[in-house]
Amino acid sequence: MRPVGLVTGATAGIGKVFAERLAARGYDLILIARNVPRLEALAAELTGRHGVSVEVLAADLASDAEIERVAARIARGPPLAILVNNAGFGVKGDLAVTDPAAQAAMLHVHALAPLRLCRAALPPMLGRRSGAIVNVSSVASFIYTPGNANYSATKAYLTAFSEGLDGEVRGAGVRVQALCPGFTRTEFHDRMGLTAAERKRRPLWLSAEFVVDSSLRALDRGGPGVCIPDWRYRVLVFLIRYVPRRLLGLATRRVHGASD
């Protein structure tokens, strides 16, 4: 019987690469996203290429009811060998002028959905003393950024949650990883409406393939609960701890092109 993996936000970017890499490793998959045609196309591609079983489940994780539907699917089994909470999005602009519904949706997708899906996946993993969870967070979780205040805050929750949860379950043979990439070439920034000039102001772009491969290598090695792909971002996070918070906020506002 093949191991089973579930990936949210599976139709593009980091989530799609996770699905591809897990299928290549022989995992049957449950893929979660909102776009049914893209889900079905990816499922057909992975089944044809790797001979694995791929189930698709359309769900919007900004909805409590949809989160519960995915959690119920996890509970029905078969038990997951790996859960990848990758779904996410950003809302560009200062909180006072952005859509409050979009900001609330971000809390659901980045915080409540991973919490609930981890809770659904963990009991069977702990019972088998085997399994892994990857919560896709961000380097932004270590800083605050004007113009993205809620994004940084939700990712900070996800990183801290993952570290704490890893401490709870690691002794039982289960690993939990907060994957914290920097700027990554995906559709994420296109959906945010990032301009070409804004992209140029953001250095150190990574590929989704590099990010996912770094994550899986760290899991294979049983590494620490936080994975920061690329040594330059690891150095950046180390230095951030010594920069006064006010100066950091001013610097990130300039990078993001926001106005005071």
C-alpha atoms as a PDB file:
ATOM      1  CA  MET A   1       0.000   0.000   0.000  1.00  0.00           C
ATOM      2  CA  ARG A   2       1.418   3.355  -1.053  1.00  0.00           C
ATOM      3  CA  PRO A   3       1.797   6.241   1.411  1.00  0.00           C
ATOM      4  CA  VAL A   4      -0.756   9.033   1.072  1.00  0.00           C
ATOM      5  CA  GLY A   5      -0.051  12.753   0.983  1.00  0.00           C
ATOM      6  CA  LEU A   6      -2.438  15.705   1.042  1.00  0.00           C
ATOM      7  CA  VAL A   7      -1.444  19.077  -0.416  1.00  0.00           C
ATOM      8  CA  THR A   8      -3.490  22.270  -0.173  1.00  0.00           C
ATOM      9  CA  GLY A   9      -3.045  25.024  -2.729  1.00  0.00           C
ATOM     10  CA  ALA A  10      -1.876  22.323  -5.104  1.00  0.00           C
ATOM     11  CA  THR A  11      -2.499  23.809  -8.541  1.00  0.00           C
ATOM     12  CA  ALA A  12       0.431  26.233  -8.769  1.00  0.00           C
ATOM     13  CA  GLY A  13       3.790  27.232  -7.365  1.00  0.00           C
ATOM     14  CA  ILE A  14       5.105  25.513  -4.253  1.00  0.00           C
ATOM     15  CA  GLY A  15       2.013  23.351  -3.819  1.00  0.00           C
ATOM     16  CA  LYS A  16       2.186  22.004  -7.354  1.00  0.00           C
ATOM     17  CA  VAL A  17       5.869  21.172  -6.985  1.00  0.00           C
ATOM     18  CA  PHE A  18       5.143  19.361  -3.707  1.00  0.00           C
ATOM     19  CA  ALA A  19       2.506  17.302  -5.524  1.00  0.00           C
ATOM     20  CA  GLU A  20       4.964  16.492  -8.319  1.00  0.00           C
ATOM     21  CA  ARG A  21       7.779  15.530  -5.960  1.00  0.00           C
ATOM     22  CA  LEU A  22       5.561  13.361  -3.762  1.00  0.00           C
ATOM     23  CA  ALA A  23       4.073  11.589  -6.779  1.00  0.00           C
ATOM     24  CA  ALA A  24       7.608  10.899  -8.031  1.00  0.00           C
ATOM     25  CA  ARG A  25       8.327   9.317  -4.634  1.00  0.00           C
ATOM     26  CA  GLY A  26       5.340   6.999  -5.042  1.00  0.00           C
ATOM     27  CA  TYR A  27       2.756   8.766  -2.891  1.00  0.00           C
ATOM     28  CA  ASP A  28      -0.943   8.564  -3.643  1.00  0.00           C
ATOM     29  CA  LEU A  29      -2.298  12.076  -3.341  1.00  0.00           C
ATOM     30  CA  ILE A  30      -5.274  14.139  -2.246  1.00  0.00           C
ATOM     31  CA  LEU A  31      -5.023  17.558  -3.852  1.00  0.00           C
ATOM     32  CA  ILE A  32      -6.937  20.561  -2.538  1.00  0.00           C
ATOM     33  CA  ALA A  33      -7.534  23.858  -4.338  1.00  0.00           C
ATOM     34  CA  ARG A  34     -10.365  26.019  -5.654  1.00  0.00           C
ATOM     35  CA  ASN A  35      -9.766  25.595  -9.391  1.00  0.00           C
ATOM     36  CA  VAL A  36     -11.336  22.274 -10.456  1.00  0.00           C
ATOM     37  CA  PRO A  37     -10.079  22.194 -14.076  1.00  0.00           C
ATOM     38  CA  ARG A  38      -6.498  22.801 -12.963  1.00  0.00           C
ATOM     39  CA  LEU A  39      -6.816  20.205 -10.199  1.00  0.00           C
ATOM     40  CA  GLU A  40      -8.112  17.614 -12.636  1.00  0.00           C
ATOM     41  CA  ALA A  41      -5.419  18.407 -15.213  1.00  0.00           C
ATOM     42  CA  LEU A  42      -2.684  18.018 -12.597  1.00  0.00           C
ATOM     43  CA  ALA A  43      -4.202  14.779 -11.329  1.00  0.00           C
ATOM     44  CA  ALA A  44      -4.269  13.314 -14.832  1.00  0.00           C
ATOM     45  CA  GLU A  45      -0.670  14.386 -15.432  1.00  0.00           C
ATOM     46  CA  LEU A  46       0.634  12.852 -12.207  1.00  0.00           C
ATOM     47  CA  THR A  47      -1.314   9.628 -12.646  1.00  0.00           C
ATOM     48  CA  GLY A  48      -0.086   9.241 -16.197  1.00  0.00           C
ATOM     49  CA  ARG A  49       3.528   9.999 -15.351  1.00  0.00           C
ATOM     50  CA  HIS A  50       3.920   8.142 -12.056  1.00  0.00           C
ATOM     51  CA  GLY A  51       1.056   5.629 -11.899  1.00  0.00           C
ATOM     52  CA  VAL A  52      -0.196   6.960  -8.553  1.00  0.00           C
ATOM     53  CA  SER A  53      -3.770   7.509  -7.459  1.00  0.00           C
ATOM     54  CA  VAL A  54      -4.758  11.171  -7.252  1.00  0.00           C
ATOM     55  CA  GLU A  55      -8.001  12.392  -5.682  1.00  0.00           C
ATOM     56  CA  VAL A  56      -9.043  16.004  -6.178  1.00  0.00           C
ATOM     57  CA  LEU A  57     -11.167  17.980  -3.758  1.00  0.00           C
ATOM     58  CA  ALA A  58     -12.242  21.518  -4.581  1.00  0.00           C
ATOM     59  CA  ALA A  59     -12.360  23.643  -1.431  1.00  0.00           C
ATOM     60  CA  ASP A  60     -12.003  27.280  -0.419  1.00  0.00           C
ATOM     61  CA  LEU A  61     -10.120  27.294   2.880  1.00  0.00           C
ATOM     62  CA  ALA A  62     -11.317  30.812   3.650  1.00  0.00           C
ATOM     63  CA  SER A  63     -14.609  29.179   4.661  1.00  0.00           C
ATOM     64  CA  ASP A  64     -15.138  27.425   8.003  1.00  0.00           C
ATOM     65  CA  ALA A  65     -17.460  24.917   6.354  1.00  0.00           C
ATOM     66  CA  GLU A  66     -14.919  24.110   3.641  1.00  0.00           C
ATOM     67  CA  ILE A  67     -12.142  23.697   6.201  1.00  0.00           C
ATOM     68  CA  GLU A  68     -14.326  21.227   8.093  1.00  0.00           C
ATOM     69  CA  ARG A  69     -15.095  19.356   4.873  1.00  0.00           C
ATOM     70  CA  VAL A  70     -11.381  18.836   4.200  1.00  0.00           C
ATOM     71  CA  ALA A  71     -10.788  17.857   7.838  1.00  0.00           C
ATOM     72  CA  ALA A  72     -13.588  15.299   7.574  1.00  0.00           C
ATOM     73  CA  ARG A  73     -11.976  13.879   4.430  1.00  0.00           C
ATOM     74  CA  ILE A  74      -8.707  13.464   6.310  1.00  0.00           C
ATOM     75  CA  ALA A  75     -10.502  11.748   9.176  1.00  0.00           C
ATOM     76  CA  ARG A  76     -12.095   9.215   6.819  1.00  0.00           C
ATOM     77  CA  GLY A  77      -8.647   7.940   5.898  1.00  0.00           C
ATOM     78  CA  PRO A  78      -6.547   6.304   4.792  1.00  0.00           C
ATOM     79  CA  PRO A  79      -4.089   7.869   7.258  1.00  0.00           C
ATOM     80  CA  LEU A  80      -1.844  10.515   5.809  1.00  0.00           C
ATOM     81  CA  ALA A  81       1.901   9.980   5.640  1.00  0.00           C
ATOM     82  CA  ILE A  82       2.407  13.683   4.923  1.00  0.00           C
ATOM     83  CA  LEU A  83       0.241  16.796   5.093  1.00  0.00           C
ATOM     84  CA  VAL A  84       1.359  19.935   3.264  1.00  0.00           C
ATOM     85  CA  ASN A  85      -0.528  23.069   4.301  1.00  0.00           C
ATOM     86  CA  ASN A  86       0.493  25.289   1.419  1.00  0.00           C
ATOM     87  CA  ALA A  87      -2.611  27.318   0.544  1.00  0.00           C
ATOM     88  CA  GLY A  88      -2.060  31.026   0.973  1.00  0.00           C
ATOM     89  CA  PHE A  89      -2.413  34.467  -0.519  1.00  0.00           C
ATOM     90  CA  GLY A  90      -1.481  38.076   0.116  1.00  0.00           C
ATOM     91  CA  VAL A  91      -3.443  41.338   0.224  1.00  0.00           C
ATOM     92  CA  LYS A  92      -1.462  44.332  -0.938  1.00  0.00           C
ATOM     93  CA  GLY A  93      -1.901  47.611   0.895  1.00  0.00           C
ATOM     94  CA  ASP A  94      -2.281  49.163   4.323  1.00  0.00           C
ATOM     95  CA  LEU A  95      -4.939  47.666   6.575  1.00  0.00           C
ATOM     96  CA  ALA A  96      -7.012  50.862   6.719  1.00  0.00           C
ATOM     97  CA  VAL A  97      -7.683  50.808   2.977  1.00  0.00           C
ATOM     98  CA  THR A  98      -7.897  47.079   2.170  1.00  0.00           C
ATOM     99  CA  ASP A  99     -10.956  44.853   2.071  1.00  0.00           C
ATOM    100  CA  PRO A 100     -11.671  43.634   5.627  1.00  0.00           C
ATOM    101  CA  ALA A 101     -13.227  40.437   4.289  1.00  0.00           C
ATOM    102  CA  ALA A 102      -9.984  39.610   2.461  1.00  0.00           C
ATOM    103  CA  GLN A 103      -7.993  40.223   5.635  1.00  0.00           C
ATOM    104  CA  ALA A 104     -10.300  37.908   7.594  1.00  0.00           C
ATOM    105  CA  ALA A 105     -10.000  35.290   4.852  1.00  0.00           C
ATOM    106  CA  MET A 106      -6.233  35.418   5.262  1.00  0.00           C
ATOM    107  CA  LEU A 107      -6.599  34.452   8.922  1.00  0.00           C
ATOM    108  CA  HIS A 108      -8.685  31.452   7.907  1.00  0.00           C
ATOM    109  CA  VAL A 109      -6.321  30.257   5.167  1.00  0.00           C
ATOM    110  CA  HIS A 110      -3.008  30.866   6.972  1.00  0.00           C
ATOM    111  CA  ALA A 111      -3.958  30.044  10.561  1.00  0.00           C
ATOM    112  CA  LEU A 112      -7.307  28.328  11.127  1.00  0.00           C
ATOM    113  CA  ALA A 113      -7.097  25.902   8.208  1.00  0.00           C
ATOM    114  CA  PRO A 114      -3.601  24.576   9.089  1.00  0.00           C
ATOM    115  CA  LEU A 115      -4.633  24.293  12.743  1.00  0.00           C
ATOM    116  CA  ARG A 116      -7.745  22.288  11.915  1.00  0.00           C
ATOM    117  CA  LEU A 117      -6.114  20.068   9.282  1.00  0.00           C
ATOM    118  CA  CYS A 118      -3.158  19.308  11.561  1.00  0.00           C
ATOM    119  CA  ARG A 119      -5.608  18.313  14.281  1.00  0.00           C
ATOM    120  CA  ALA A 120      -7.364  15.955  11.873  1.00  0.00           C
ATOM    121  CA  ALA A 121      -4.151  14.379  10.556  1.00  0.00           C
ATOM    122  CA  LEU A 122      -2.203  13.942  13.795  1.00  0.00           C
ATOM    123  CA  PRO A 123      -4.034  11.165  15.712  1.00  0.00           C
ATOM    124  CA  PRO A 124      -3.390   8.475  13.065  1.00  0.00           C
ATOM    125  CA  MET A 125       0.199   9.684  12.632  1.00  0.00           C
ATOM    126  CA  LEU A 126       0.803   9.472  16.360  1.00  0.00           C
ATOM    127  CA  GLY A 127      -0.825   6.065  16.494  1.00  0.00           C
ATOM    128  CA  ARG A 128       1.568   4.781  13.815  1.00  0.00           C
ATOM    129  CA  ARG A 129       4.488   6.784  15.254  1.00  0.00           C
ATOM    130  CA  SER A 130       5.197   8.021  11.752  1.00  0.00           C
ATOM    131  CA  GLY A 131       4.293  10.999   9.593  1.00  0.00           C
ATOM    132  CA  ALA A 132       5.186  14.526   8.598  1.00  0.00           C
ATOM    133  CA  ILE A 133       3.487  17.897   8.340  1.00  0.00           C
ATOM    134  CA  VAL A 134       4.828  20.829   6.340  1.00  0.00           C
ATOM    135  CA  ASN A 135       3.251  24.206   7.037  1.00  0.00           C
ATOM    136  CA  VAL A 136       4.339  26.629   4.332  1.00  0.00           C
ATOM    137  CA  SER A 137       5.091  29.882   6.144  1.00  0.00           C
ATOM    138  CA  SER A 138       7.478  32.640   5.063  1.00  0.00           C
ATOM    139  CA  VAL A 139      10.572  34.622   5.967  1.00  0.00           C
ATOM    140  CA  ALA A 140       7.987  37.366   6.522  1.00  0.00           C
ATOM    141  CA  SER A 141       7.014  35.519   9.700  1.00  0.00           C
ATOM    142  CA  PHE A 142      10.205  36.820  11.350  1.00  0.00           C
ATOM    143  CA  ILE A 143       9.543  40.504  10.633  1.00  0.00           C
ATOM    144  CA  TYR A 144       6.695  42.957  10.372  1.00  0.00           C
ATOM    145  CA  THR A 145       6.139  44.749   7.101  1.00  0.00           C
ATOM    146  CA  PRO A 146       3.986  47.860   6.707  1.00  0.00           C
ATOM    147  CA  GLY A 147       1.663  47.244   3.804  1.00  0.00           C
ATOM    148  CA  ASN A 148       1.517  43.547   4.705  1.00  0.00           C
ATOM    149  CA  ALA A 149       0.858  43.687   8.437  1.00  0.00           C
ATOM    150  CA  ASN A 150      -1.735  40.926   8.551  1.00  0.00           C
ATOM    151  CA  TYR A 151       0.228  38.683   6.193  1.00  0.00           C
ATOM    152  CA  SER A 152       3.319  38.845   8.407  1.00  0.00           C
ATOM    153  CA  ALA A 153       1.210  38.309  11.519  1.00  0.00           C
ATOM    154  CA  THR A 154      -0.570  35.237  10.167  1.00  0.00           C
ATOM    155  CA  LYS A 155       2.695  33.736   8.984  1.00  0.00           C
ATOM    156  CA  ALA A 156       4.278  34.469  12.375  1.00  0.00           C
ATOM    157  CA  TYR A 157       1.462  32.466  13.935  1.00  0.00           C
ATOM    158  CA  LEU A 158       2.046  29.608  11.509  1.00  0.00           C
ATOM    159  CA  THR A 159       5.783  29.459  12.207  1.00  0.00           C
ATOM    160  CA  ALA A 160       5.360  29.589  15.997  1.00  0.00           C
ATOM    161  CA  PHE A 161       2.525  27.051  15.843  1.00  0.00           C
ATOM    162  CA  SER A 162       4.656  24.665  13.784  1.00  0.00           C
ATOM    163  CA  GLU A 163       7.654  24.953  16.106  1.00  0.00           C
ATOM    164  CA  GLY A 164       5.513  24.306  19.157  1.00  0.00           C
ATOM    165  CA  LEU A 165       3.694  21.426  17.527  1.00  0.00           C
ATOM    166  CA  ASP A 166       6.981  19.863  16.431  1.00  0.00           C
ATOM    167  CA  GLY A 167       8.061  19.910  20.053  1.00  0.00           C
ATOM    168  CA  GLU A 168       4.854  18.123  21.047  1.00  0.00           C
ATOM    169  CA  VAL A 169       5.072  15.271  18.543  1.00  0.00           C
ATOM    170  CA  ARG A 170       8.708  14.753  17.573  1.00  0.00           C
ATOM    171  CA  GLY A 171       9.252  12.245  20.373  1.00  0.00           C
ATOM    172  CA  ALA A 172       6.396  10.185  18.936  1.00  0.00           C
ATOM    173  CA  GLY A 173       8.031   9.846  15.514  1.00  0.00           C
ATOM    174  CA  VAL A 174       6.121  12.662  13.774  1.00  0.00           C
ATOM    175  CA  ARG A 175       7.846  15.693  12.289  1.00  0.00           C
ATOM    176  CA  VAL A 176       6.343  19.160  11.830  1.00  0.00           C
ATOM    177  CA  GLN A 177       8.165  21.698   9.702  1.00  0.00           C
ATOM    178  CA  ALA A 178       7.586  25.416   9.195  1.00  0.00           C
ATOM    179  CA  LEU A 179       8.856  26.003   5.666  1.00  0.00           C
ATOM    180  CA  CYS A 180       9.909  29.652   5.481  1.00  0.00           C
ATOM    181  CA  PRO A 181      11.014  30.676   1.990  1.00  0.00           C
ATOM    182  CA  GLY A 182      11.825  34.162   0.877  1.00  0.00           C
ATOM    183  CA  PHE A 183      10.594  35.639  -2.392  1.00  0.00           C
ATOM    184  CA  THR A 184       9.671  32.731  -4.653  1.00  0.00           C
ATOM    185  CA  ARG A 185       8.748  32.805  -8.343  1.00  0.00           C
ATOM    186  CA  THR A 186       5.119  31.673  -8.341  1.00  0.00           C
ATOM    187  CA  GLU A 187       1.686  33.045  -9.243  1.00  0.00           C
ATOM    188  CA  PHE A 188       1.389  34.368  -5.671  1.00  0.00           C
ATOM    189  CA  HIS A 189       2.854  37.775  -6.490  1.00  0.00           C
ATOM    190  CA  ASP A 190       0.940  38.010  -9.770  1.00  0.00           C
ATOM    191  CA  ARG A 191      -2.339  37.624  -7.863  1.00  0.00           C
ATOM    192  CA  MET A 192      -1.207  40.390  -5.492  1.00  0.00           C
ATOM    193  CA  GLY A 193      -0.722  42.703  -8.477  1.00  0.00           C
ATOM    194  CA  LEU A 194       2.980  43.214  -7.870  1.00  0.00           C
ATOM    195  CA  THR A 195       4.456  45.525 -10.491  1.00  0.00           C
ATOM    196  CA  ALA A 196       7.713  44.975 -12.368  1.00  0.00           C
ATOM    197  CA  ALA A 197       9.307  47.846 -10.428  1.00  0.00           C
ATOM    198  CA  GLU A 198       8.246  46.310  -7.126  1.00  0.00           C
ATOM    199  CA  ARG A 199       9.697  42.963  -8.177  1.00  0.00           C
ATOM    200  CA  LYS A 200      13.049  44.614  -8.893  1.00  0.00           C
ATOM    201  CA  ARG A 201      13.124  46.054  -5.381  1.00  0.00           C
ATOM    202  CA  ARG A 202      12.820  42.549  -3.939  1.00  0.00           C
ATOM    203  CA  PRO A 203      16.125  40.646  -4.174  1.00  0.00           C
ATOM    204  CA  LEU A 204      17.020  36.973  -3.814  1.00  0.00           C
ATOM    205  CA  TRP A 205      14.251  35.299  -5.790  1.00  0.00           C
ATOM    206  CA  LEU A 206      14.031  31.518  -5.373  1.00  0.00           C
ATOM    207  CA  SER A 207      12.435  28.864  -7.562  1.00  0.00           C
ATOM    208  CA  ALA A 208       9.554  26.774  -6.237  1.00  0.00           C
ATOM    209  CA  GLU A 209      11.550  23.649  -7.085  1.00  0.00           C
ATOM    210  CA  PHE A 210      14.470  24.767  -4.918  1.00  0.00           C
ATOM    211  CA  VAL A 211      12.145  25.579  -2.021  1.00  0.00           C
ATOM    212  CA  VAL A 212      10.361  22.223  -2.116  1.00  0.00           C
ATOM    213  CA  ASP A 213      13.541  20.206  -2.542  1.00  0.00           C
ATOM    214  CA  SER A 214      15.064  22.021   0.442  1.00  0.00           C
ATOM    215  CA  SER A 215      12.003  21.177   2.519  1.00  0.00           C
ATOM    216  CA  LEU A 216      12.002  17.493   1.615  1.00  0.00           C
ATOM    217  CA  ARG A 217      15.738  17.155   2.216  1.00  0.00           C
ATOM    218  CA  ALA A 218      15.308  18.653   5.674  1.00  0.00           C
ATOM    219  CA  LEU A 219      12.481  16.222   6.427  1.00  0.00           C
ATOM    220  CA  ASP A 220      14.537  13.287   5.179  1.00  0.00           C
ATOM    221  CA  ARG A 221      17.350  14.286   7.534  1.00  0.00           C
ATOM    222  CA  GLY A 222      14.985  14.768  10.470  1.00  0.00           C
ATOM    223  CA  GLY A 223      16.098  18.378  10.655  1.00  0.00           C
ATOM    224  CA  PRO A 224      14.839  21.157  12.939  1.00  0.00           C
ATOM    225  CA  GLY A 225      11.267  22.406  12.923  1.00  0.00           C
ATOM    226  CA  VAL A 226      12.045  25.459  10.784  1.00  0.00           C
ATOM    227  CA  CYS A 227      13.409  25.206   7.232  1.00  0.00           C
ATOM    228  CA  ILE A 228      14.676  28.419   5.620  1.00  0.00           C
ATOM    229  CA  PRO A 229      15.793  27.646   2.057  1.00  0.00           C
ATOM    230  CA  ASP A 230      18.961  29.396   0.882  1.00  0.00           C
ATOM    231  CA  TRP A 231      21.798  30.399   3.175  1.00  0.00           C
ATOM    232  CA  ARG A 232      21.337  34.093   2.354  1.00  0.00           C
ATOM    233  CA  TYR A 233      17.852  34.080   3.837  1.00  0.00           C
ATOM    234  CA  ARG A 234      19.133  32.187   6.865  1.00  0.00           C
ATOM    235  CA  VAL A 235      21.716  34.906   7.413  1.00  0.00           C
ATOM    236  CA  LEU A 236      19.027  37.553   6.927  1.00  0.00           C
ATOM    237  CA  VAL A 237      16.796  35.976   9.566  1.00  0.00           C
ATOM    238  CA  PHE A 238      19.754  35.754  11.952  1.00  0.00           C
ATOM    239  CA  LEU A 239      20.520  39.456  11.457  1.00  0.00           C
ATOM    240  CA  ILE A 240      16.886  40.471  11.820  1.00  0.00           C
ATOM    241  CA  ARG A 241      17.017  39.396  15.444  1.00  0.00           C
ATOM    242  CA  TYR A 242      19.543  42.185  16.135  1.00  0.00           C
ATOM    243  CA  VAL A 243      17.903  45.028  14.188  1.00  0.00           C
ATOM    244  CA  PRO A 244      15.728  47.430  16.230  1.00  0.00           C
ATOM    245  CA  ARG A 245      12.071  46.829  15.361  1.00  0.00           C
ATOM    246  CA  ARG A 246      11.399  50.436  14.355  1.00  0.00           C
ATOM    247  CA  LEU A 247      14.314  50.509  11.902  1.00  0.00           C
ATOM    248  CA  LEU A 248      13.183  47.191  10.469  1.00  0.00           C
ATOM    249  CA  GLY A 249       9.694  48.568   9.862  1.00  0.00           C
ATOM    250  CA  LEU A 250      11.070  51.619   8.062  1.00  0.00           C
ATOM    251  CA  ALA A 251      13.327  49.475   5.889  1.00  0.00           C
ATOM    252  CA  THR A 252      10.578  47.073   4.881  1.00  0.00           C
ATOM    253  CA  ARG A 253       8.202  49.936   4.086  1.00  0.00           C
ATOM    254  CA  ARG A 254      10.789  51.295   1.639  1.00  0.00           C
ATOM    255  CA  VAL A 255      11.271  47.859   0.036  1.00  0.00           C
ATOM    256  CA  HIS A 256       7.518  47.391  -0.406  1.00  0.00           C
ATOM    257  CA  GLY A 257       7.090  50.841  -1.865  1.00  0.00           C
ATOM    258  CA  ALA A 258       4.394  51.864   0.624  1.00  0.00           C
ATOM    259  CA  SER A 259       3.809  55.485   1.600  1.00  0.00           C
ATOM    260  CA  ASP A 260       3.947  56.839   5.147  1.00  0.00           C
END
